[in-house]
Amino acid sequence: MSLKKLFTEHPDAVGESYFEHMGVALSFAGPLLAAGLAALVHAFLPFLCVTSASVTVKRLYARMTNRTPHTAAHNSADRMLGWDPVI
């Protein structure tokens, strides 16, 4: 398998360029990190961050399951996100 294919096979499969896919993945990473920190705080201080992690995970799950891949009809210059990255 070529090095390029390692970096582009999955983004291509969901109809995104490498950098589009990176942006989407990073848009999930930040909230997941914050949710993890909230869960860590909640583990030691259960009266804090009672629903922070679960609300974040539910919101991100809804975003991920409602995604629709780009169609091949769009070329990379005209490609717009096929779903709303910020709900």
PDB file of N, CA and C in Angstrom:
ATOM      1  N   MET A   1       0.854  -1.172   0.000  1.00  0.00           N
ATOM      2  CA  MET A   1       0.000   0.000   0.000  1.00  0.00           C
ATOM      3  C   MET A   1       0.901   1.236   0.000  1.00  0.00           C
ATOM      4  N   SER A   2       0.570   2.179  -0.853  1.00  0.00           N
ATOM      5  CA  SER A   2       1.382   3.391  -0.948  1.00  0.00           C
ATOM      6  C   SER A   2       1.138   4.304   0.256  1.00  0.00           C
ATOM      7  N   LEU A   3       2.125   5.130   0.518  1.00  0.00           N
ATOM      8  CA  LEU A   3       2.016   6.070   1.630  1.00  0.00           C
ATOM      9  C   LEU A   3       0.854   7.030   1.408  1.00  0.00           C
ATOM     10  N   LYS A   4       0.688   7.509   0.173  1.00  0.00           N
ATOM     11  CA  LYS A   4      -0.414   8.427  -0.115  1.00  0.00           C
ATOM     12  C   LYS A   4      -1.762   7.764   0.162  1.00  0.00           C
ATOM     13  N   LYS A   5      -1.883   6.501  -0.234  1.00  0.00           N
ATOM     14  CA  LYS A   5      -3.152   5.800  -0.041  1.00  0.00           C
ATOM     15  C   LYS A   5      -3.482   5.654   1.451  1.00  0.00           C
ATOM     16  N   LEU A   6      -2.449   5.464   2.279  1.00  0.00           N
ATOM     17  CA  LEU A   6      -2.677   5.377   3.723  1.00  0.00           C
ATOM     18  C   LEU A   6      -3.358   6.631   4.264  1.00  0.00           C
ATOM     19  N   PHE A   7      -3.009   7.780   3.700  1.00  0.00           N
ATOM     20  CA  PHE A   7      -3.547   9.050   4.186  1.00  0.00           C
ATOM     21  C   PHE A   7      -4.845   9.467   3.496  1.00  0.00           C
ATOM     22  N   THR A   8      -5.147   8.902   2.348  1.00  0.00           N
ATOM     23  CA  THR A   8      -6.306   9.380   1.588  1.00  0.00           C
ATOM     24  C   THR A   8      -7.423   8.360   1.412  1.00  0.00           C
ATOM     25  N   GLU A   9      -7.183   7.098   1.680  1.00  0.00           N
ATOM     26  CA  GLU A   9      -8.203   6.068   1.434  1.00  0.00           C
ATOM     27  C   GLU A   9      -9.475   6.318   2.238  1.00  0.00           C
ATOM     28  N   HIS A  10      -9.351   6.512   3.534  1.00  0.00           N
ATOM     29  CA  HIS A  10     -10.545   6.732   4.358  1.00  0.00           C
ATOM     30  C   HIS A  10     -11.223   8.071   4.040  1.00  0.00           C
ATOM     31  N   PRO A  11     -10.491   9.197   3.979  1.00  0.00           N
ATOM     32  CA  PRO A  11     -11.176  10.441   3.602  1.00  0.00           C
ATOM     33  C   PRO A  11     -11.899  10.337   2.262  1.00  0.00           C
ATOM     34  N   ASP A  12     -11.272   9.690   1.278  1.00  0.00           N
ATOM     35  CA  ASP A  12     -11.933   9.492  -0.016  1.00  0.00           C
ATOM     36  C   ASP A  12     -13.213   8.677   0.129  1.00  0.00           C
ATOM     37  N   ALA A  13     -13.181   7.669   1.012  1.00  0.00           N
ATOM     38  CA  ALA A  13     -14.346   6.799   1.200  1.00  0.00           C
ATOM     39  C   ALA A  13     -15.545   7.556   1.748  1.00  0.00           C
ATOM     40  N   VAL A  14     -15.307   8.633   2.481  1.00  0.00           N
ATOM     41  CA  VAL A  14     -16.417   9.422   3.010  1.00  0.00           C
ATOM     42  C   VAL A  14     -16.618  10.717   2.216  1.00  0.00           C
ATOM     43  N   GLY A  15     -15.952  10.815   1.065  1.00  0.00           N
ATOM     44  CA  GLY A  15     -16.170  11.941   0.169  1.00  0.00           C
ATOM     45  C   GLY A  15     -15.514  13.236   0.601  1.00  0.00           C
ATOM     46  N   GLU A  16     -14.393  13.139   1.297  1.00  0.00           N
ATOM     47  CA  GLU A  16     -13.706  14.336   1.765  1.00  0.00           C
ATOM     48  C   GLU A  16     -12.250  14.296   1.333  1.00  0.00           C
ATOM     49  N   SER A  17     -11.674  15.468   1.225  1.00  0.00           N
ATOM     50  CA  SER A  17     -10.236  15.539   0.996  1.00  0.00           C
ATOM     51  C   SER A  17      -9.536  15.247   2.325  1.00  0.00           C
ATOM     52  N   TYR A  18      -8.230  15.086   2.275  1.00  0.00           N
ATOM     53  CA  TYR A  18      -7.459  14.848   3.498  1.00  0.00           C
ATOM     54  C   TYR A  18      -7.667  15.981   4.503  1.00  0.00           C
ATOM     55  N   PHE A  19      -7.587  17.237   4.031  1.00  0.00           N
ATOM     56  CA  PHE A  19      -7.703  18.376   4.935  1.00  0.00           C
ATOM     57  C   PHE A  19      -9.137  18.599   5.400  1.00  0.00           C
ATOM     58  N   GLU A  20     -10.121  18.319   4.559  1.00  0.00           N
ATOM     59  CA  GLU A  20     -11.515  18.390   5.014  1.00  0.00           C
ATOM     60  C   GLU A  20     -11.742  17.386   6.142  1.00  0.00           C
ATOM     61  N   HIS A  21     -11.239  16.168   5.933  1.00  0.00           N
ATOM     62  CA  HIS A  21     -11.417  15.128   6.942  1.00  0.00           C
ATOM     63  C   HIS A  21     -10.675  15.482   8.235  1.00  0.00           C
ATOM     64  N   MET A  22      -9.515  16.093   8.093  1.00  0.00           N
ATOM     65  CA  MET A  22      -8.764  16.525   9.266  1.00  0.00           C
ATOM     66  C   MET A  22      -9.583  17.542  10.062  1.00  0.00           C
ATOM     67  N   GLY A  23     -10.201  18.486   9.368  1.00  0.00           N
ATOM     68  CA  GLY A  23     -11.020  19.495  10.040  1.00  0.00           C
ATOM     69  C   GLY A  23     -12.199  18.885  10.777  1.00  0.00           C
ATOM     70  N   VAL A  24     -12.853  17.928  10.139  1.00  0.00           N
ATOM     71  CA  VAL A  24     -13.986  17.259  10.777  1.00  0.00           C
ATOM     72  C   VAL A  24     -13.517  16.495  12.011  1.00  0.00           C
ATOM     73  N   ALA A  25     -12.431  15.748  11.862  1.00  0.00           N
ATOM     74  CA  ALA A  25     -11.915  14.972  12.988  1.00  0.00           C
ATOM     75  C   ALA A  25     -11.515  15.886  14.143  1.00  0.00           C
ATOM     76  N   LEU A  26     -10.884  16.999  13.831  1.00  0.00           N
ATOM     77  CA  LEU A  26     -10.496  17.937  14.879  1.00  0.00           C
ATOM     78  C   LEU A  26     -11.711  18.585  15.538  1.00  0.00           C
ATOM     79  N   SER A  27     -12.789  18.761  14.766  1.00  0.00           N
ATOM     80  CA  SER A  27     -13.999  19.348  15.350  1.00  0.00           C
ATOM     81  C   SER A  27     -14.651  18.392  16.352  1.00  0.00           C
ATOM     82  N   PHE A  28     -14.317  17.107  16.263  1.00  0.00           N
ATOM     83  CA  PHE A  28     -14.769  16.138  17.253  1.00  0.00           C
ATOM     84  C   PHE A  28     -13.769  16.033  18.404  1.00  0.00           C
ATOM     85  N   ALA A  29     -12.495  16.198  18.120  1.00  0.00           N
ATOM     86  CA  ALA A  29     -11.448  16.000  19.120  1.00  0.00           C
ATOM     87  C   ALA A  29     -11.557  16.984  20.285  1.00  0.00           C
ATOM     88  N   GLY A  30     -11.781  18.249  19.990  1.00  0.00           N
ATOM     89  CA  GLY A  30     -11.864  19.254  21.048  1.00  0.00           C
ATOM     90  C   GLY A  30     -12.975  18.971  22.045  1.00  0.00           C
ATOM     91  N   PRO A  31     -14.210  18.796  21.572  1.00  0.00           N
ATOM     92  CA  PRO A  31     -15.288  18.486  22.512  1.00  0.00           C
ATOM     93  C   PRO A  31     -15.072  17.163  23.253  1.00  0.00           C
ATOM     94  N   LEU A  32     -14.475  16.173  22.586  1.00  0.00           N
ATOM     95  CA  LEU A  32     -14.215  14.907  23.271  1.00  0.00           C
ATOM     96  C   LEU A  32     -13.185  15.076  24.384  1.00  0.00           C
ATOM     97  N   LEU A  33     -12.161  15.871  24.122  1.00  0.00           N
ATOM     98  CA  LEU A  33     -11.172  16.152  25.173  1.00  0.00           C
ATOM     99  C   LEU A  33     -11.823  16.862  26.355  1.00  0.00           C
ATOM    100  N   ALA A  34     -12.658  17.848  26.057  1.00  0.00           N
ATOM    101  CA  ALA A  34     -13.350  18.577  27.132  1.00  0.00           C
ATOM    102  C   ALA A  34     -14.276  17.641  27.915  1.00  0.00           C
ATOM    103  N   ALA A  35     -14.969  16.755  27.204  1.00  0.00           N
ATOM    104  CA  ALA A  35     -15.855  15.803  27.879  1.00  0.00           C
ATOM    105  C   ALA A  35     -15.050  14.854  28.757  1.00  0.00           C
ATOM    106  N   GLY A  36     -13.901  14.430  28.281  1.00  0.00           N
ATOM    107  CA  GLY A  36     -13.044  13.561  29.084  1.00  0.00           C
ATOM    108  C   GLY A  36     -12.566  14.246  30.348  1.00  0.00           C
ATOM    109  N   LEU A  37     -12.197  15.509  30.226  1.00  0.00           N
ATOM    110  CA  LEU A  37     -11.782  16.266  31.412  1.00  0.00           C
ATOM    111  C   LEU A  37     -12.943  16.447  32.383  1.00  0.00           C
ATOM    112  N   ALA A  38     -14.139  16.712  31.836  1.00  0.00           N
ATOM    113  CA  ALA A  38     -15.321  16.850  32.701  1.00  0.00           C
ATOM    114  C   ALA A  38     -15.604  15.538  33.427  1.00  0.00           C
ATOM    115  N   ALA A  39     -15.446  14.408  32.738  1.00  0.00           N
ATOM    116  CA  ALA A  39     -15.666  13.106  33.366  1.00  0.00           C
ATOM    117  C   ALA A  39     -14.623  12.850  34.450  1.00  0.00           C
ATOM    118  N   LEU A  40     -13.391  13.282  34.219  1.00  0.00           N
ATOM    119  CA  LEU A  40     -12.338  13.127  35.214  1.00  0.00           C
ATOM    120  C   LEU A  40     -12.645  13.952  36.463  1.00  0.00           C
ATOM    121  N   VAL A  41     -13.070  15.196  36.264  1.00  0.00           N
ATOM    122  CA  VAL A  41     -13.458  16.039  37.399  1.00  0.00           C
ATOM    123  C   VAL A  41     -14.631  15.393  38.136  1.00  0.00           C
ATOM    124  N   HIS A  42     -15.610  14.915  37.392  1.00  0.00           N
ATOM    125  CA  HIS A  42     -16.797  14.296  37.984  1.00  0.00           C
ATOM    126  C   HIS A  42     -16.444  13.040  38.788  1.00  0.00           C
ATOM    127  N   ALA A  43     -15.429  12.314  38.353  1.00  0.00           N
ATOM    128  CA  ALA A  43     -15.022  11.101  39.074  1.00  0.00           C
ATOM    129  C   ALA A  43     -14.582  11.419  40.494  1.00  0.00           C
ATOM    130  N   PHE A  44     -13.896  12.532  40.671  1.00  0.00           N
ATOM    131  CA  PHE A  44     -13.393  12.900  42.001  1.00  0.00           C
ATOM    132  C   PHE A  44     -14.345  13.809  42.772  1.00  0.00           C
ATOM    133  N   LEU A  45     -15.097  14.626  42.027  1.00  0.00           N
ATOM    134  CA  LEU A  45     -16.039  15.566  42.642  1.00  0.00           C
ATOM    135  C   LEU A  45     -17.411  15.355  41.984  1.00  0.00           C
ATOM    136  N   PRO A  46     -18.145  14.324  42.403  1.00  0.00           N
ATOM    137  CA  PRO A  46     -19.362  13.927  41.700  1.00  0.00           C
ATOM    138  C   PRO A  46     -20.475  14.970  41.663  1.00  0.00           C
ATOM    139  N   PHE A  47     -20.343  16.023  42.434  1.00  0.00           N
ATOM    140  CA  PHE A  47     -21.339  17.094  42.414  1.00  0.00           C
ATOM    141  C   PHE A  47     -21.044  18.113  41.313  1.00  0.00           C
ATOM    142  N   LEU A  48     -19.896  17.980  40.634  1.00  0.00           N
ATOM    143  CA  LEU A  48     -19.527  18.856  39.512  1.00  0.00           C
ATOM    144  C   LEU A  48     -19.647  18.105  38.181  1.00  0.00           C
ATOM    145  N   CYS A  49     -19.902  18.826  37.145  1.00  0.00           N
ATOM    146  CA  CYS A  49     -19.936  18.265  35.773  1.00  0.00           C
ATOM    147  C   CYS A  49     -20.840  17.040  35.694  1.00  0.00           C
ATOM    148  N   VAL A  50     -22.010  17.134  36.275  1.00  0.00           N
ATOM    149  CA  VAL A  50     -22.917  15.987  36.384  1.00  0.00           C
ATOM    150  C   VAL A  50     -23.348  15.463  35.017  1.00  0.00           C
ATOM    151  N   THR A  51     -23.639  16.349  34.078  1.00  0.00           N
ATOM    152  CA  THR A  51     -24.105  15.897  32.760  1.00  0.00           C
ATOM    153  C   THR A  51     -23.203  16.356  31.617  1.00  0.00           C
ATOM    154  N   SER A  52     -22.123  17.022  31.913  1.00  0.00           N
ATOM    155  CA  SER A  52     -21.278  17.612  30.860  1.00  0.00           C
ATOM    156  C   SER A  52     -20.802  16.586  29.844  1.00  0.00           C
ATOM    157  N   ALA A  53     -20.231  15.492  30.304  1.00  0.00           N
ATOM    158  CA  ALA A  53     -19.681  14.492  29.385  1.00  0.00           C
ATOM    159  C   ALA A  53     -20.780  13.812  28.581  1.00  0.00           C
ATOM    160  N   SER A  54     -21.858  13.406  29.236  1.00  0.00           N
ATOM    161  CA  SER A  54     -22.916  12.682  28.521  1.00  0.00           C
ATOM    162  C   SER A  54     -23.611  13.563  27.483  1.00  0.00           C
ATOM    163  N   VAL A  55     -23.830  14.821  27.812  1.00  0.00           N
ATOM    164  CA  VAL A  55     -24.455  15.735  26.845  1.00  0.00           C
ATOM    165  C   VAL A  55     -23.552  15.907  25.620  1.00  0.00           C
ATOM    166  N   THR A  56     -22.262  16.049  25.843  1.00  0.00           N
ATOM    167  CA  THR A  56     -21.311  16.220  24.740  1.00  0.00           C
ATOM    168  C   THR A  56     -21.273  14.976  23.869  1.00  0.00           C
ATOM    169  N   VAL A  57     -21.196  13.810  24.479  1.00  0.00           N
ATOM    170  CA  VAL A  57     -21.139  12.561  23.715  1.00  0.00           C
ATOM    171  C   VAL A  57     -22.415  12.377  22.900  1.00  0.00           C
ATOM    172  N   LYS A  58     -23.569  12.660  23.473  1.00  0.00           N
ATOM    173  CA  LYS A  58     -24.840  12.532  22.738  1.00  0.00           C
ATOM    174  C   LYS A  58     -24.879  13.489  21.549  1.00  0.00           C
ATOM    175  N   ARG A  59     -24.415  14.730  21.758  1.00  0.00           N
ATOM    176  CA  ARG A  59     -24.411  15.720  20.674  1.00  0.00           C
ATOM    177  C   ARG A  59     -23.476  15.275  19.547  1.00  0.00           C
ATOM    178  N   LEU A  60     -22.287  14.793  19.918  1.00  0.00           N
ATOM    179  CA  LEU A  60     -21.336  14.351  18.896  1.00  0.00           C
ATOM    180  C   LEU A  60     -21.830  13.095  18.184  1.00  0.00           C
ATOM    181  N   TYR A  61     -22.476  12.199  18.899  1.00  0.00           N
ATOM    182  CA  TYR A  61     -23.043  11.000  18.278  1.00  0.00           C
ATOM    183  C   TYR A  61     -24.100  11.393  17.242  1.00  0.00           C
ATOM    184  N   ALA A  62     -24.947  12.360  17.590  1.00  0.00           N
ATOM    185  CA  ALA A  62     -25.971  12.825  16.645  1.00  0.00           C
ATOM    186  C   ALA A  62     -25.321  13.419  15.400  1.00  0.00           C
ATOM    187  N   ARG A  63     -24.258  14.208  15.582  1.00  0.00           N
ATOM    188  CA  ARG A  63     -23.544  14.768  14.429  1.00  0.00           C
ATOM    189  C   ARG A  63     -22.986  13.671  13.545  1.00  0.00           C
ATOM    190  N   MET A  64     -22.345  12.685  14.162  1.00  0.00           N
ATOM    191  CA  MET A  64     -21.690  11.643  13.386  1.00  0.00           C
ATOM    192  C   MET A  64     -22.694  10.773  12.642  1.00  0.00           C
ATOM    193  N   THR A  65     -23.784  10.415  13.280  1.00  0.00           N
ATOM    194  CA  THR A  65     -24.753   9.529  12.634  1.00  0.00           C
ATOM    195  C   THR A  65     -25.607  10.248  11.602  1.00  0.00           C
ATOM    196  N   ASN A  66     -25.654  11.572  11.645  1.00  0.00           N
ATOM    197  CA  ASN A  66     -26.433  12.331  10.659  1.00  0.00           C
ATOM    198  C   ASN A  66     -25.596  12.833   9.496  1.00  0.00           C
ATOM    199  N   ARG A  67     -24.330  12.456   9.457  1.00  0.00           N
ATOM    200  CA  ARG A  67     -23.459  12.876   8.357  1.00  0.00           C
ATOM    201  C   ARG A  67     -23.888  12.189   7.066  1.00  0.00           C
ATOM    202  N   THR A  68     -23.767  12.901   5.988  1.00  0.00           N
ATOM    203  CA  THR A  68     -23.969  12.302   4.673  1.00  0.00           C
ATOM    204  C   THR A  68     -22.706  12.538   3.863  1.00  0.00           C
ATOM    205  N   PRO A  69     -22.209  11.500   3.205  1.00  0.00           N
ATOM    206  CA  PRO A  69     -20.979  11.679   2.426  1.00  0.00           C
ATOM    207  C   PRO A  69     -21.203  12.590   1.234  1.00  0.00           C
ATOM    208  N   HIS A  70     -20.116  13.219   0.800  1.00  0.00           N
ATOM    209  CA  HIS A  70     -20.164  14.035  -0.409  1.00  0.00           C
ATOM    210  C   HIS A  70     -20.432  13.132  -1.595  1.00  0.00           C
ATOM    211  N   THR A  71     -21.012  13.699  -2.630  1.00  0.00           N
ATOM    212  CA  THR A  71     -21.184  12.930  -3.854  1.00  0.00           C
ATOM    213  C   THR A  71     -19.958  13.107  -4.728  1.00  0.00           C
ATOM    214  N   ALA A  72     -19.687  12.126  -5.549  1.00  0.00           N
ATOM    215  CA  ALA A  72     -18.530  12.180  -6.442  1.00  0.00           C
ATOM    216  C   ALA A  72     -18.711  13.232  -7.523  1.00  0.00           C
ATOM    217  N   ALA A  73     -19.934  13.744  -7.705  1.00  0.00           N
ATOM    218  CA  ALA A  73     -20.204  14.727  -8.752  1.00  0.00           C
ATOM    219  C   ALA A  73     -19.507  16.054  -8.502  1.00  0.00           C
ATOM    220  N   HIS A  74     -19.211  16.350  -7.252  1.00  0.00           N
ATOM    221  CA  HIS A  74     -18.534  17.607  -6.933  1.00  0.00           C
ATOM    222  C   HIS A  74     -17.040  17.436  -7.108  1.00  0.00           C
ATOM    223  N   ASN A  75     -16.426  18.387  -7.783  1.00  0.00           N
ATOM    224  CA  ASN A  75     -14.966  18.323  -7.839  1.00  0.00           C
ATOM    225  C   ASN A  75     -14.408  19.012  -6.604  1.00  0.00           C
ATOM    226  N   SER A  76     -13.135  18.827  -6.347  1.00  0.00           N
ATOM    227  CA  SER A  76     -12.564  19.316  -5.096  1.00  0.00           C
ATOM    228  C   SER A  76     -12.622  20.834  -4.967  1.00  0.00           C
ATOM    229  N   ALA A  77     -12.624  21.574  -6.072  1.00  0.00           N
ATOM    230  CA  ALA A  77     -12.683  23.032  -5.995  1.00  0.00           C
ATOM    231  C   ALA A  77     -14.070  23.517  -5.590  1.00  0.00           C
ATOM    232  N   ASP A  78     -15.113  22.788  -5.992  1.00  0.00           N
ATOM    233  CA  ASP A  78     -16.487  23.192  -5.701  1.00  0.00           C
ATOM    234  C   ASP A  78     -17.059  22.503  -4.473  1.00  0.00           C
ATOM    235  N   ARG A  79     -16.307  21.620  -3.859  1.00  0.00           N
ATOM    236  CA  ARG A  79     -16.829  20.785  -2.785  1.00  0.00           C
ATOM    237  C   ARG A  79     -17.191  21.616  -1.560  1.00  0.00           C
ATOM    238  N   MET A  80     -18.408  21.441  -1.100  1.00  0.00           N
ATOM    239  CA  MET A  80     -18.881  22.060   0.138  1.00  0.00           C
ATOM    240  C   MET A  80     -19.148  20.919   1.115  1.00  0.00           C
ATOM    241  N   LEU A  81     -19.158  21.210   2.393  1.00  0.00           N
ATOM    242  CA  LEU A  81     -19.498  20.174   3.348  1.00  0.00           C
ATOM    243  C   LEU A  81     -20.920  19.727   3.106  1.00  0.00           C
ATOM    244  N   GLY A  82     -21.155  18.413   3.090  1.00  0.00           N
ATOM    245  CA  GLY A  82     -22.462  17.848   2.851  1.00  0.00           C
ATOM    246  C   GLY A  82     -23.301  17.762   4.102  1.00  0.00           C
ATOM    247  N   TRP A  83     -22.795  18.225   5.202  1.00  0.00           N
ATOM    248  CA  TRP A  83     -23.515  18.189   6.463  1.00  0.00           C
ATOM    249  C   TRP A  83     -23.041  19.354   7.317  1.00  0.00           C
ATOM    250  N   ASP A  84     -23.831  19.688   8.288  1.00  0.00           N
ATOM    251  CA  ASP A  84     -23.502  20.837   9.135  1.00  0.00           C
ATOM    252  C   ASP A  84     -22.522  20.406  10.212  1.00  0.00           C
ATOM    253  N   PRO A  85     -21.262  20.896  10.183  1.00  0.00           N
ATOM    254  CA  PRO A  85     -20.286  20.467  11.163  1.00  0.00           C
ATOM    255  C   PRO A  85     -20.496  21.054  12.553  1.00  0.00           C
ATOM    256  N   VAL A  86     -21.373  22.018  12.679  1.00  0.00           N
ATOM    257  CA  VAL A  86     -21.630  22.612  13.995  1.00  0.00           C
ATOM    258  C   VAL A  86     -23.125  22.616  14.237  1.00  0.00           C
ATOM    259  N   ILE A  87     -23.550  21.801  15.181  1.00  0.00           N
ATOM    260  CA  ILE A  87     -24.985  21.741  15.501  1.00  0.00           C
ATOM    261  C   ILE A  87     -25.220  22.585  16.732  1.00  0.00           C
TER     262      ILE A  87
END
